Amino acid sequence: MTIMCLTIPKKVIAIKGDGVIVETAGGNRQKLKSIVLSLEVGDWVLSQQQIILEKIDKKEAKEALKILEEV
């Protein structure tokens, strides 16, 4: 059996000390840790278990959010 986890793209809205504040398309905000070193406000990211794992481009984020809206 294969288990797949889904992560929703989130936008970086602030970087404060040891945390990154992100916002979902629905307006929910979270403070996360990151293993991605080169993050800037406005970047789009994917996270799992409160850790940012990957930075994605805006086009990819928007496509994923569109697909999720359709489901």
PDB file of N, CA and C in Angstrom:
ATOM      1  N   MET A   1       0.840  -1.174   0.000  1.00  0.00           N
ATOM      2  CA  MET A   1       0.000   0.000   0.000  1.00  0.00           C
ATOM      3  C   MET A   1       0.886   1.238   0.000  1.00  0.00           C
ATOM      4  N   THR A   2       0.545   2.194  -0.856  1.00  0.00           N
ATOM      5  CA  THR A   2       1.257   3.462  -0.923  1.00  0.00           C
ATOM      6  C   THR A   2       0.389   4.544  -0.314  1.00  0.00           C
ATOM      7  N   ILE A   3       0.971   5.344   0.554  1.00  0.00           N
ATOM      8  CA  ILE A   3       0.251   6.460   1.169  1.00  0.00           C
ATOM      9  C   ILE A   3       0.855   7.745   0.629  1.00  0.00           C
ATOM     10  N   MET A   4      -0.003   8.609   0.142  1.00  0.00           N
ATOM     11  CA  MET A   4       0.460   9.873  -0.418  1.00  0.00           C
ATOM     12  C   MET A   4      -0.043  11.024   0.450  1.00  0.00           C
ATOM     13  N   CYS A   5       0.826  11.975   0.728  1.00  0.00           N
ATOM     14  CA  CYS A   5       0.436  13.158   1.488  1.00  0.00           C
ATOM     15  C   CYS A   5       0.253  14.321   0.529  1.00  0.00           C
ATOM     16  N   LEU A   6      -0.748  15.122   0.771  1.00  0.00           N
ATOM     17  CA  LEU A   6      -1.023  16.285  -0.048  1.00  0.00           C
ATOM     18  C   LEU A   6      -0.609  17.530   0.719  1.00  0.00           C
ATOM     19  N   THR A   7       0.103  18.410   0.065  1.00  0.00           N
ATOM     20  CA  THR A   7       0.432  19.680   0.674  1.00  0.00           C
ATOM     21  C   THR A   7      -0.071  20.791  -0.231  1.00  0.00           C
ATOM     22  N   ILE A   8      -0.623  21.799   0.363  1.00  0.00           N
ATOM     23  CA  ILE A   8      -1.207  22.914  -0.368  1.00  0.00           C
ATOM     24  C   ILE A   8      -0.179  24.036  -0.441  1.00  0.00           C
ATOM     25  N   PRO A   9       0.010  24.625  -1.617  1.00  0.00           N
ATOM     26  CA  PRO A   9       0.962  25.737  -1.725  1.00  0.00           C
ATOM     27  C   PRO A   9       0.602  26.868  -0.769  1.00  0.00           C
ATOM     28  N   LYS A  10       1.632  27.440  -0.171  1.00  0.00           N
ATOM     29  CA  LYS A  10       1.469  28.555   0.762  1.00  0.00           C
ATOM     30  C   LYS A  10       2.423  29.666   0.342  1.00  0.00           C
ATOM     31  N   LYS A  11       2.013  30.902   0.586  1.00  0.00           N
ATOM     32  CA  LYS A  11       2.819  32.049   0.205  1.00  0.00           C
ATOM     33  C   LYS A  11       3.539  32.611   1.427  1.00  0.00           C
ATOM     34  N   VAL A  12       4.831  32.881   1.284  1.00  0.00           N
ATOM     35  CA  VAL A  12       5.623  33.481   2.359  1.00  0.00           C
ATOM     36  C   VAL A  12       5.211  34.944   2.494  1.00  0.00           C
ATOM     37  N   ILE A  13       4.766  35.333   3.697  1.00  0.00           N
ATOM     38  CA  ILE A  13       4.372  36.720   3.910  1.00  0.00           C
ATOM     39  C   ILE A  13       5.315  37.459   4.857  1.00  0.00           C
ATOM     40  N   ALA A  14       6.138  36.704   5.609  1.00  0.00           N
ATOM     41  CA  ALA A  14       7.116  37.334   6.500  1.00  0.00           C
ATOM     42  C   ALA A  14       8.159  36.309   6.919  1.00  0.00           C
ATOM     43  N   ILE A  15       9.340  36.811   7.215  1.00  0.00           N
ATOM     44  CA  ILE A  15      10.411  35.973   7.750  1.00  0.00           C
ATOM     45  C   ILE A  15      10.849  36.640   9.043  1.00  0.00           C
ATOM     46  N   LYS A  16      10.664  35.915  10.156  1.00  0.00           N
ATOM     47  CA  LYS A  16      10.943  36.487  11.477  1.00  0.00           C
ATOM     48  C   LYS A  16      11.819  35.549  12.279  1.00  0.00           C
ATOM     49  N   GLY A  17      13.045  35.973  12.518  1.00  0.00           N
ATOM     50  CA  GLY A  17      13.954  35.171  13.322  1.00  0.00           C
ATOM     51  C   GLY A  17      14.112  33.773  12.781  1.00  0.00           C
ATOM     52  N   ASP A  18      13.700  32.778  13.570  1.00  0.00           N
ATOM     53  CA  ASP A  18      13.866  31.383  13.168  1.00  0.00           C
ATOM     54  C   ASP A  18      12.612  30.813  12.513  1.00  0.00           C
ATOM     55  N   GLY A  19      11.648  31.660  12.166  1.00  0.00           N
ATOM     56  CA  GLY A  19      10.409  31.169  11.582  1.00  0.00           C
ATOM     57  C   GLY A  19      10.014  31.912  10.321  1.00  0.00           C
ATOM     58  N   VAL A  20       9.185  31.263   9.548  1.00  0.00           N
ATOM     59  CA  VAL A  20       8.657  31.834   8.316  1.00  0.00           C
ATOM     60  C   VAL A  20       7.137  31.846   8.445  1.00  0.00           C
ATOM     61  N   ILE A  21       6.531  33.014   8.245  1.00  0.00           N
ATOM     62  CA  ILE A  21       5.082  33.129   8.302  1.00  0.00           C
ATOM     63  C   ILE A  21       4.554  32.932   6.884  1.00  0.00           C
ATOM     64  N   VAL A  22       3.644  31.975   6.737  1.00  0.00           N
ATOM     65  CA  VAL A  22       3.057  31.674   5.429  1.00  0.00           C
ATOM     66  C   VAL A  22       1.549  31.842   5.514  1.00  0.00           C
ATOM     67  N   GLU A  23       0.934  32.007   4.338  1.00  0.00           N
ATOM     68  CA  GLU A  23      -0.509  32.155   4.269  1.00  0.00           C
ATOM     69  C   GLU A  23      -1.049  31.256   3.170  1.00  0.00           C
ATOM     70  N   THR A  24      -2.145  30.555   3.458  1.00  0.00           N
ATOM     71  CA  THR A  24      -2.807  29.725   2.452  1.00  0.00           C
ATOM     72  C   THR A  24      -3.714  30.603   1.604  1.00  0.00           C
ATOM     73  N   ALA A  25      -4.212  30.041   0.514  1.00  0.00           N
ATOM     74  CA  ALA A  25      -5.132  30.772  -0.350  1.00  0.00           C
ATOM     75  C   ALA A  25      -6.391  31.172   0.410  1.00  0.00           C
ATOM     76  N   GLY A  26      -6.742  30.423   1.433  1.00  0.00           N
ATOM     77  CA  GLY A  26      -7.917  30.730   2.243  1.00  0.00           C
ATOM     78  C   GLY A  26      -7.684  31.765   3.325  1.00  0.00           C
ATOM     79  N   GLY A  27      -6.451  32.254   3.440  1.00  0.00           N
ATOM     80  CA  GLY A  27      -6.144  33.298   4.415  1.00  0.00           C
ATOM     81  C   GLY A  27      -5.628  32.806   5.747  1.00  0.00           C
ATOM     82  N   ASN A  28      -5.488  31.492   5.921  1.00  0.00           N
ATOM     83  CA  ASN A  28      -4.948  30.962   7.171  1.00  0.00           C
ATOM     84  C   ASN A  28      -3.444  31.192   7.223  1.00  0.00           C
ATOM     85  N   ARG A  29      -2.955  31.588   8.383  1.00  0.00           N
ATOM     86  CA  ARG A  29      -1.519  31.851   8.554  1.00  0.00           C
ATOM     87  C   ARG A  29      -0.905  30.843   9.511  1.00  0.00           C
ATOM     88  N   GLN A  30       0.359  30.509   9.237  1.00  0.00           N
ATOM     89  CA  GLN A  30       1.107  29.576  10.079  1.00  0.00           C
ATOM     90  C   GLN A  30       2.541  30.061  10.205  1.00  0.00           C
ATOM     91  N   LYS A  31       3.168  29.745  11.317  1.00  0.00           N
ATOM     92  CA  LYS A  31       4.598  29.975  11.469  1.00  0.00           C
ATOM     93  C   LYS A  31       5.282  28.618  11.309  1.00  0.00           C
ATOM     94  N   LEU A  32       6.181  28.531  10.340  1.00  0.00           N
ATOM     95  CA  LEU A  32       6.851  27.279  10.028  1.00  0.00           C
ATOM     96  C   LEU A  32       8.357  27.422  10.135  1.00  0.00           C
ATOM     97  N   LYS A  33       9.022  26.315  10.272  1.00  0.00           N
ATOM     98  CA  LYS A  33      10.488  26.232  10.148  1.00  0.00           C
ATOM     99  C   LYS A  33      10.787  25.901   8.695  1.00  0.00           C
ATOM    100  N   SER A  34      12.032  26.070   8.273  1.00  0.00           N
ATOM    101  CA  SER A  34      12.364  25.805   6.880  1.00  0.00           C
ATOM    102  C   SER A  34      13.725  25.138   6.737  1.00  0.00           C
ATOM    103  N   ILE A  35      13.788  24.173   5.802  1.00  0.00           N
ATOM    104  CA  ILE A  35      15.085  23.624   5.419  1.00  0.00           C
ATOM    105  C   ILE A  35      15.546  24.259   4.107  1.00  0.00           C
ATOM    106  N   VAL A  36      14.696  25.116   3.531  1.00  0.00           N
ATOM    107  CA  VAL A  36      15.043  25.864   2.320  1.00  0.00           C
ATOM    108  C   VAL A  36      15.722  27.151   2.776  1.00  0.00           C
ATOM    109  N   LEU A  37      16.946  27.378   2.322  1.00  0.00           N
ATOM    110  CA  LEU A  37      17.727  28.496   2.835  1.00  0.00           C
ATOM    111  C   LEU A  37      17.428  29.829   2.164  1.00  0.00           C
ATOM    112  N   SER A  38      17.070  29.828   0.910  1.00  0.00           N
ATOM    113  CA  SER A  38      16.926  31.092   0.180  1.00  0.00           C
ATOM    114  C   SER A  38      15.467  31.469  -0.037  1.00  0.00           C
ATOM    115  N   LEU A  39      14.782  31.815   1.035  1.00  0.00           N
ATOM    116  CA  LEU A  39      13.378  32.218   0.929  1.00  0.00           C
ATOM    117  C   LEU A  39      13.265  33.726   1.053  1.00  0.00           C
ATOM    118  N   GLU A  40      12.303  34.274   0.309  1.00  0.00           N
ATOM    119  CA  GLU A  40      12.003  35.699   0.382  1.00  0.00           C
ATOM    120  C   GLU A  40      10.497  35.882   0.482  1.00  0.00           C
ATOM    121  N   VAL A  41      10.076  37.007   1.010  1.00  0.00           N
ATOM    122  CA  VAL A  41       8.652  37.326   1.060  1.00  0.00           C
ATOM    123  C   VAL A  41       8.122  37.300  -0.371  1.00  0.00           C
ATOM    124  N   GLY A  42       6.989  36.637  -0.556  1.00  0.00           N
ATOM    125  CA  GLY A  42       6.382  36.502  -1.882  1.00  0.00           C
ATOM    126  C   GLY A  42       6.626  35.146  -2.522  1.00  0.00           C
ATOM    127  N   ASP A  43       7.595  34.376  -2.003  1.00  0.00           N
ATOM    128  CA  ASP A  43       7.852  33.029  -2.529  1.00  0.00           C
ATOM    129  C   ASP A  43       6.692  32.102  -2.188  1.00  0.00           C
ATOM    130  N   TRP A  44       6.522  31.063  -2.991  1.00  0.00           N
ATOM    131  CA  TRP A  44       5.533  30.013  -2.759  1.00  0.00           C
ATOM    132  C   TRP A  44       6.262  28.758  -2.315  1.00  0.00           C
ATOM    133  N   VAL A  45       5.707  28.059  -1.319  1.00  0.00           N
ATOM    134  CA  VAL A  45       6.383  26.909  -0.731  1.00  0.00           C
ATOM    135  C   VAL A  45       5.424  25.745  -0.495  1.00  0.00           C
ATOM    136  N   LEU A  46       6.020  24.582  -0.297  1.00  0.00           N
ATOM    137  CA  LEU A  46       5.303  23.385   0.127  1.00  0.00           C
ATOM    138  C   LEU A  46       5.874  22.966   1.471  1.00  0.00           C
ATOM    139  N   SER A  47       4.999  22.555   2.389  1.00  0.00           N
ATOM    140  CA  SER A  47       5.454  22.176   3.727  1.00  0.00           C
ATOM    141  C   SER A  47       4.827  20.863   4.153  1.00  0.00           C
ATOM    142  N   GLN A  48       5.451  20.262   5.136  1.00  0.00           N
ATOM    143  CA  GLN A  48       4.953  19.020   5.736  1.00  0.00           C
ATOM    144  C   GLN A  48       5.383  19.027   7.190  1.00  0.00           C
ATOM    145  N   GLN A  49       4.480  18.718   8.086  1.00  0.00           N
ATOM    146  CA  GLN A  49       4.784  18.635   9.514  1.00  0.00           C
ATOM    147  C   GLN A  49       5.441  19.915  10.037  1.00  0.00           C
ATOM    148  N   GLN A  50       4.916  21.070   9.620  1.00  0.00           N
ATOM    149  CA  GLN A  50       5.374  22.393  10.072  1.00  0.00           C
ATOM    150  C   GLN A  50       6.782  22.773   9.597  1.00  0.00           C
ATOM    151  N   ILE A  51       7.252  22.102   8.535  1.00  0.00           N
ATOM    152  CA  ILE A  51       8.575  22.405   7.978  1.00  0.00           C
ATOM    153  C   ILE A  51       8.436  22.658   6.483  1.00  0.00           C
ATOM    154  N   ILE A  52       8.977  23.773   6.024  1.00  0.00           N
ATOM    155  CA  ILE A  52       8.997  24.060   4.595  1.00  0.00           C
ATOM    156  C   ILE A  52      10.043  23.171   3.950  1.00  0.00           C
ATOM    157  N   LEU A  53       9.611  22.381   2.963  1.00  0.00           N
ATOM    158  CA  LEU A  53      10.494  21.417   2.317  1.00  0.00           C
ATOM    159  C   LEU A  53      10.953  21.846   0.935  1.00  0.00           C
ATOM    160  N   GLU A  54      10.144  22.704   0.283  1.00  0.00           N
ATOM    161  CA  GLU A  54      10.454  23.028  -1.103  1.00  0.00           C
ATOM    162  C   GLU A  54       9.885  24.385  -1.480  1.00  0.00           C
ATOM    163  N   LYS A  55      10.631  25.120  -2.294  1.00  0.00           N
ATOM    164  CA  LYS A  55      10.142  26.363  -2.879  1.00  0.00           C
ATOM    165  C   LYS A  55       9.667  26.032  -4.289  1.00  0.00           C
ATOM    166  N   ILE A  56       8.491  26.557  -4.674  1.00  0.00           N
ATOM    167  CA  ILE A  56       7.967  26.323  -6.018  1.00  0.00           C
ATOM    168  C   ILE A  56       7.710  27.676  -6.677  1.00  0.00           C
ATOM    169  N   ASP A  57       7.636  27.670  -8.006  1.00  0.00           N
ATOM    170  CA  ASP A  57       7.390  28.948  -8.674  1.00  0.00           C
ATOM    171  C   ASP A  57       5.900  29.288  -8.626  1.00  0.00           C
ATOM    172  N   LYS A  58       5.610  30.561  -8.848  1.00  0.00           N
ATOM    173  CA  LYS A  58       4.244  31.081  -8.730  1.00  0.00           C
ATOM    174  C   LYS A  58       3.291  30.363  -9.674  1.00  0.00           C
ATOM    175  N   LYS A  59       3.732  30.084 -10.894  1.00  0.00           N
ATOM    176  CA  LYS A  59       2.882  29.415 -11.877  1.00  0.00           C
ATOM    177  C   LYS A  59       2.471  28.032 -11.382  1.00  0.00           C
ATOM    178  N   GLU A  60       3.421  27.283 -10.857  1.00  0.00           N
ATOM    179  CA  GLU A  60       3.134  25.942 -10.341  1.00  0.00           C
ATOM    180  C   GLU A  60       2.169  26.016  -9.158  1.00  0.00           C
ATOM    181  N   ALA A  61       2.363  26.995  -8.281  1.00  0.00           N
ATOM    182  CA  ALA A  61       1.475  27.164  -7.129  1.00  0.00           C
ATOM    183  C   ALA A  61       0.055  27.468  -7.577  1.00  0.00           C
ATOM    184  N   LYS A  62      -0.091  28.386  -8.528  1.00  0.00           N
ATOM    185  CA  LYS A  62      -1.416  28.771  -9.010  1.00  0.00           C
ATOM    186  C   LYS A  62      -2.119  27.593  -9.697  1.00  0.00           C
ATOM    187  N   GLU A  63      -1.369  26.788 -10.470  1.00  0.00           N
ATOM    188  CA  GLU A  63      -1.951  25.615 -11.121  1.00  0.00           C
ATOM    189  C   GLU A  63      -2.455  24.608 -10.090  1.00  0.00           C
ATOM    190  N   ALA A  64      -1.658  24.370  -9.045  1.00  0.00           N
ATOM    191  CA  ALA A  64      -2.064  23.422  -7.999  1.00  0.00           C
ATOM    192  C   ALA A  64      -3.307  23.925  -7.274  1.00  0.00           C
ATOM    193  N   LEU A  65      -3.361  25.226  -6.966  1.00  0.00           N
ATOM    194  CA  LEU A  65      -4.521  25.773  -6.279  1.00  0.00           C
ATOM    195  C   LEU A  65      -5.768  25.702  -7.145  1.00  0.00           C
ATOM    196  N   LYS A  66      -5.621  25.909  -8.441  1.00  0.00           N
ATOM    197  CA  LYS A  66      -6.757  25.804  -9.359  1.00  0.00           C
ATOM    198  C   LYS A  66      -7.310  24.380  -9.377  1.00  0.00           C
ATOM    199  N   ILE A  67      -6.415  23.394  -9.428  1.00  0.00           N
ATOM    200  CA  ILE A  67      -6.827  21.988  -9.427  1.00  0.00           C
ATOM    201  C   ILE A  67      -7.562  21.661  -8.121  1.00  0.00           C
ATOM    202  N   LEU A  68      -7.052  22.141  -7.002  1.00  0.00           N
ATOM    203  CA  LEU A  68      -7.687  21.873  -5.721  1.00  0.00           C
ATOM    204  C   LEU A  68      -9.066  22.503  -5.632  1.00  0.00           C
ATOM    205  N   GLU A  69      -9.247  23.676  -6.229  1.00  0.00           N
ATOM    206  CA  GLU A  69     -10.554  24.323  -6.229  1.00  0.00           C
ATOM    207  C   GLU A  69     -11.582  23.504  -7.008  1.00  0.00           C
ATOM    208  N   GLU A  70     -11.112  22.831  -8.062  1.00  0.00           N
ATOM    209  CA  GLU A  70     -12.004  22.062  -8.916  1.00  0.00           C
ATOM    210  C   GLU A  70     -12.432  20.740  -8.293  1.00  0.00           C
ATOM    211  N   VAL A  71     -11.682  20.277  -7.324  1.00  0.00           N
ATOM    212  CA  VAL A  71     -11.971  18.975  -6.715  1.00  0.00           C
ATOM    213  C   VAL A  71     -13.080  19.073  -5.705  1.00  0.00           C
TER     214      VAL A  71
END
